[in-house]
Each structure stands twice: as structure tokens, then as C-alpha cells.
Amino acid sequence: MASAGDCERELERLRKTVEELTKEVERLSGVSATEAERRLLEYLHRTGGWFDLDEASRELGLPHETVMAAARSLASKGALILVEGGA
């Protein structure tokens, strides 16, 4: 079992990851990370939780990199689970 100190360090690492992903989303798209995440969550709601990167990028009007950065950021926050390489 992980010690409290180990858990604290992992939590801090995850916070930094979220911050880095947020900055990357904004840099890549010129759209705030919150806006890209909001658009992706709305898209996922409309599609029943599934997305194809090409289709999502086209429909959201965002580059592939921005969609993936938003998805990874949401996943790091526990808002979704990424499963890559689906059929």
C-alpha cells in the first residue's frame, strides 16, 4: 500500500500534468483549454461517449492535437477514459 507521502507526490505530479496539458491545448488551438474541453464533452454527449479523432476534429473545428490534448486533460481529471485504437 502506498504511503501518504507517496500519494501526495503522485497527486502533485498529476496536478502538474493537468496544468501542462491545459497550456498545450491553449497553445495549439488558440482556444482556451476550458473551451476545447467543453466542446469535446458536448461532442461526446451527442455521440454517446465515443469519438473518432478525424470526425471530432472536423466537427469541433479544432486541430487533431487540440482534440487529443483536451481528451488527455479530461482523462487526467477523471472526466473520461481514453481507449485508443478502437475498432
N, C-alpha and C. Protein backbone atom coordinates (compact mmCIF):
# COMPACT_ATOMS: atom_id res chain seq x y z
N MET A 1 0.85 -1.18 0.00
CA MET A 1 0.00 0.00 0.00
C MET A 1 0.89 1.24 0.00
N ALA A 2 0.49 2.24 -0.76
CA ALA A 2 1.26 3.47 -0.88
C ALA A 2 1.15 4.28 0.41
N SER A 3 2.26 4.91 0.76
CA SER A 3 2.25 5.77 1.95
C SER A 3 1.56 7.09 1.62
N ALA A 4 1.23 7.82 2.65
CA ALA A 4 0.60 9.14 2.46
C ALA A 4 1.52 10.05 1.65
N GLY A 5 2.81 9.96 1.93
CA GLY A 5 3.78 10.79 1.20
C GLY A 5 3.81 10.43 -0.28
N ASP A 6 3.75 9.14 -0.60
CA ASP A 6 3.72 8.70 -1.99
C ASP A 6 2.47 9.22 -2.69
N CYS A 7 1.36 9.16 -2.01
CA CYS A 7 0.09 9.64 -2.58
C CYS A 7 0.15 11.15 -2.83
N GLU A 8 0.72 11.88 -1.89
CA GLU A 8 0.86 13.34 -2.05
C GLU A 8 1.73 13.67 -3.25
N ARG A 9 2.84 12.95 -3.42
CA ARG A 9 3.74 13.18 -4.56
C ARG A 9 3.04 12.86 -5.87
N GLU A 10 2.30 11.77 -5.91
CA GLU A 10 1.57 11.40 -7.13
C GLU A 10 0.50 12.43 -7.46
N LEU A 11 -0.20 12.92 -6.45
CA LEU A 11 -1.22 13.94 -6.66
C LEU A 11 -0.59 15.22 -7.22
N GLU A 12 0.55 15.62 -6.69
CA GLU A 12 1.24 16.81 -7.19
C GLU A 12 1.70 16.60 -8.63
N ARG A 13 2.19 15.41 -8.94
CA ARG A 13 2.61 15.10 -10.31
C ARG A 13 1.42 15.21 -11.26
N LEU A 14 0.28 14.69 -10.86
CA LEU A 14 -0.92 14.76 -11.69
C LEU A 14 -1.41 16.19 -11.87
N ARG A 15 -1.31 17.00 -10.83
CA ARG A 15 -1.70 18.41 -10.95
C ARG A 15 -0.82 19.12 -11.98
N LYS A 16 0.47 18.84 -11.93
CA LYS A 16 1.38 19.45 -12.90
C LYS A 16 1.07 18.98 -14.32
N THR A 17 0.71 17.71 -14.46
CA THR A 17 0.35 17.18 -15.77
C THR A 17 -0.88 17.89 -16.32
N VAL A 18 -1.87 18.09 -15.48
CA VAL A 18 -3.09 18.79 -15.90
C VAL A 18 -2.75 20.22 -16.33
N GLU A 19 -1.92 20.90 -15.56
CA GLU A 19 -1.52 22.27 -15.91
C GLU A 19 -0.80 22.30 -17.25
N GLU A 20 0.11 21.36 -17.47
CA GLU A 20 0.86 21.30 -18.72
C GLU A 20 -0.07 21.03 -19.90
N LEU A 21 -1.01 20.10 -19.73
CA LEU A 21 -1.95 19.79 -20.80
C LEU A 21 -2.86 20.97 -21.10
N THR A 22 -3.26 21.67 -20.08
CA THR A 22 -4.10 22.85 -20.26
C THR A 22 -3.37 23.90 -21.10
N LYS A 23 -2.14 24.16 -20.77
CA LYS A 23 -1.34 25.13 -21.53
C LYS A 23 -1.14 24.67 -22.97
N GLU A 24 -0.94 23.37 -23.16
CA GLU A 24 -0.73 22.83 -24.50
C GLU A 24 -1.99 22.98 -25.36
N VAL A 25 -3.14 22.73 -24.79
CA VAL A 25 -4.40 22.90 -25.52
C VAL A 25 -4.54 24.34 -25.99
N GLU A 26 -4.29 25.26 -25.10
CA GLU A 26 -4.42 26.67 -25.45
C GLU A 26 -3.41 27.07 -26.51
N ARG A 27 -2.18 26.60 -26.40
CA ARG A 27 -1.13 26.94 -27.35
C ARG A 27 -1.46 26.41 -28.74
N LEU A 28 -1.92 25.18 -28.81
CA LEU A 28 -2.15 24.54 -30.10
C LEU A 28 -3.34 25.12 -30.86
N SER A 29 -4.34 25.55 -30.16
CA SER A 29 -5.58 25.92 -30.83
C SER A 29 -5.93 27.39 -30.79
N GLY A 30 -5.34 28.11 -29.89
CA GLY A 30 -5.78 29.48 -29.70
C GLY A 30 -7.12 29.53 -28.99
N VAL A 31 -7.63 28.38 -28.62
CA VAL A 31 -8.89 28.26 -27.88
C VAL A 31 -8.52 27.89 -26.46
N SER A 32 -9.19 28.47 -25.49
CA SER A 32 -8.86 28.14 -24.11
C SER A 32 -9.08 26.64 -23.88
N ALA A 33 -8.29 26.09 -22.99
CA ALA A 33 -8.42 24.66 -22.67
C ALA A 33 -9.83 24.36 -22.19
N THR A 34 -10.38 25.25 -21.40
CA THR A 34 -11.73 25.04 -20.89
C THR A 34 -12.73 24.98 -22.04
N GLU A 35 -12.55 25.84 -23.02
CA GLU A 35 -13.45 25.84 -24.18
C GLU A 35 -13.29 24.56 -25.00
N ALA A 36 -12.06 24.13 -25.26
CA ALA A 36 -11.84 22.90 -26.02
C ALA A 36 -12.41 21.70 -25.27
N GLU A 37 -12.20 21.65 -23.96
CA GLU A 37 -12.75 20.56 -23.16
C GLU A 37 -14.28 20.59 -23.18
N ARG A 38 -14.85 21.78 -23.07
CA ARG A 38 -16.31 21.91 -23.08
C ARG A 38 -16.87 21.41 -24.41
N ARG A 39 -16.24 21.82 -25.51
CA ARG A 39 -16.69 21.38 -26.84
C ARG A 39 -16.59 19.86 -26.97
N LEU A 40 -15.49 19.31 -26.47
CA LEU A 40 -15.30 17.86 -26.57
C LEU A 40 -16.33 17.13 -25.72
N LEU A 41 -16.59 17.60 -24.52
CA LEU A 41 -17.60 16.96 -23.67
C LEU A 41 -18.98 17.02 -24.31
N GLU A 42 -19.32 18.14 -24.93
CA GLU A 42 -20.61 18.24 -25.63
C GLU A 42 -20.66 17.26 -26.79
N TYR A 43 -19.57 17.17 -27.54
CA TYR A 43 -19.49 16.23 -28.66
C TYR A 43 -19.68 14.80 -28.16
N LEU A 44 -18.98 14.46 -27.08
CA LEU A 44 -19.09 13.10 -26.53
C LEU A 44 -20.51 12.81 -26.06
N HIS A 45 -21.16 13.80 -25.52
CA HIS A 45 -22.55 13.62 -25.09
C HIS A 45 -23.45 13.30 -26.29
N ARG A 46 -23.22 14.04 -27.39
CA ARG A 46 -24.02 13.82 -28.60
C ARG A 46 -23.75 12.46 -29.23
N THR A 47 -22.54 11.96 -29.11
CA THR A 47 -22.16 10.71 -29.77
C THR A 47 -22.24 9.49 -28.86
N GLY A 48 -22.77 9.67 -27.68
CA GLY A 48 -22.89 8.54 -26.76
C GLY A 48 -21.56 8.14 -26.13
N GLY A 49 -20.60 9.06 -26.13
CA GLY A 49 -19.34 8.81 -25.43
C GLY A 49 -18.20 8.31 -26.30
N TRP A 50 -18.44 8.15 -27.58
CA TRP A 50 -17.40 7.65 -28.48
C TRP A 50 -16.97 8.74 -29.45
N PHE A 51 -15.69 8.72 -29.83
CA PHE A 51 -15.29 9.67 -30.87
C PHE A 51 -14.17 9.12 -31.73
N ASP A 52 -14.26 9.51 -32.98
CA ASP A 52 -13.21 9.26 -33.96
C ASP A 52 -12.45 10.58 -34.07
N LEU A 53 -11.13 10.53 -33.97
CA LEU A 53 -10.34 11.76 -33.93
C LEU A 53 -10.58 12.64 -35.16
N ASP A 54 -10.57 12.05 -36.35
CA ASP A 54 -10.79 12.83 -37.57
C ASP A 54 -12.17 13.50 -37.55
N GLU A 55 -13.17 12.73 -37.21
CA GLU A 55 -14.54 13.25 -37.20
C GLU A 55 -14.72 14.32 -36.12
N ALA A 56 -14.20 14.06 -34.93
CA ALA A 56 -14.33 15.03 -33.84
C ALA A 56 -13.60 16.33 -34.19
N SER A 57 -12.41 16.21 -34.74
CA SER A 57 -11.64 17.39 -35.12
C SER A 57 -12.40 18.23 -36.14
N ARG A 58 -12.95 17.56 -37.13
CA ARG A 58 -13.70 18.25 -38.18
C ARG A 58 -14.95 18.92 -37.60
N GLU A 59 -15.71 18.18 -36.83
CA GLU A 59 -16.96 18.72 -36.30
C GLU A 59 -16.72 19.85 -35.29
N LEU A 60 -15.67 19.73 -34.50
CA LEU A 60 -15.39 20.74 -33.48
C LEU A 60 -14.62 21.94 -34.04
N GLY A 61 -14.08 21.78 -35.24
CA GLY A 61 -13.30 22.86 -35.83
C GLY A 61 -11.98 23.09 -35.10
N LEU A 62 -11.43 22.00 -34.57
CA LEU A 62 -10.17 22.07 -33.82
C LEU A 62 -9.16 21.11 -34.43
N PRO A 63 -7.86 21.44 -34.35
CA PRO A 63 -6.84 20.52 -34.85
C PRO A 63 -6.84 19.21 -34.06
N HIS A 64 -6.38 18.14 -34.71
CA HIS A 64 -6.29 16.84 -34.04
C HIS A 64 -5.56 16.96 -32.69
N GLU A 65 -4.46 17.69 -32.70
CA GLU A 65 -3.64 17.81 -31.49
C GLU A 65 -4.41 18.45 -30.35
N THR A 66 -5.26 19.41 -30.68
CA THR A 66 -6.05 20.08 -29.65
C THR A 66 -7.10 19.15 -29.09
N VAL A 67 -7.75 18.38 -29.96
CA VAL A 67 -8.77 17.43 -29.51
C VAL A 67 -8.12 16.40 -28.58
N MET A 68 -6.96 15.87 -28.98
CA MET A 68 -6.30 14.87 -28.15
C MET A 68 -5.78 15.46 -26.84
N ALA A 69 -5.26 16.68 -26.89
CA ALA A 69 -4.81 17.33 -25.65
C ALA A 69 -5.99 17.55 -24.71
N ALA A 70 -7.14 17.96 -25.25
CA ALA A 70 -8.34 18.15 -24.42
C ALA A 70 -8.79 16.81 -23.85
N ALA A 71 -8.77 15.76 -24.68
CA ALA A 71 -9.17 14.43 -24.20
C ALA A 71 -8.24 13.94 -23.10
N ARG A 72 -6.95 14.12 -23.29
CA ARG A 72 -5.99 13.69 -22.26
C ARG A 72 -6.16 14.49 -20.97
N SER A 73 -6.41 15.78 -21.12
CA SER A 73 -6.63 16.61 -19.94
C SER A 73 -7.87 16.17 -19.19
N LEU A 74 -8.96 15.92 -19.92
CA LEU A 74 -10.19 15.45 -19.28
C LEU A 74 -9.98 14.09 -18.62
N ALA A 75 -9.21 13.22 -19.28
CA ALA A 75 -8.93 11.90 -18.72
C ALA A 75 -8.12 12.04 -17.43
N SER A 76 -7.16 12.97 -17.42
CA SER A 76 -6.33 13.14 -16.22
C SER A 76 -7.15 13.68 -15.05
N LYS A 77 -8.28 14.32 -15.37
CA LYS A 77 -9.18 14.84 -14.33
C LYS A 77 -10.25 13.82 -13.94
N GLY A 78 -10.25 12.67 -14.62
CA GLY A 78 -11.23 11.64 -14.33
C GLY A 78 -12.57 11.85 -15.02
N ALA A 79 -12.63 12.78 -15.97
CA ALA A 79 -13.89 13.08 -16.64
C ALA A 79 -14.21 12.12 -17.76
N LEU A 80 -13.20 11.40 -18.26
CA LEU A 80 -13.42 10.38 -19.28
C LEU A 80 -12.29 9.38 -19.24
N ILE A 81 -12.50 8.28 -19.91
CA ILE A 81 -11.47 7.23 -20.02
C ILE A 81 -11.12 7.11 -21.48
N LEU A 82 -9.84 7.26 -21.78
CA LEU A 82 -9.38 7.13 -23.16
C LEU A 82 -9.06 5.68 -23.45
N VAL A 83 -9.59 5.19 -24.56
CA VAL A 83 -9.25 3.85 -25.05
C VAL A 83 -8.83 4.06 -26.48
N GLU A 84 -7.53 3.96 -26.73
CA GLU A 84 -7.01 4.22 -28.06
C GLU A 84 -7.02 2.96 -28.91
N GLY A 85 -7.14 3.18 -30.21
CA GLY A 85 -7.09 2.06 -31.14
C GLY A 85 -8.37 1.27 -31.23
N GLY A 86 -9.50 1.91 -30.99
CA GLY A 86 -10.78 1.22 -31.07
C GLY A 86 -11.11 0.80 -32.49
N ALA A 87 -12.06 -0.09 -32.61
CA ALA A 87 -12.45 -0.60 -33.94
C ALA A 87 -13.36 0.36 -34.64
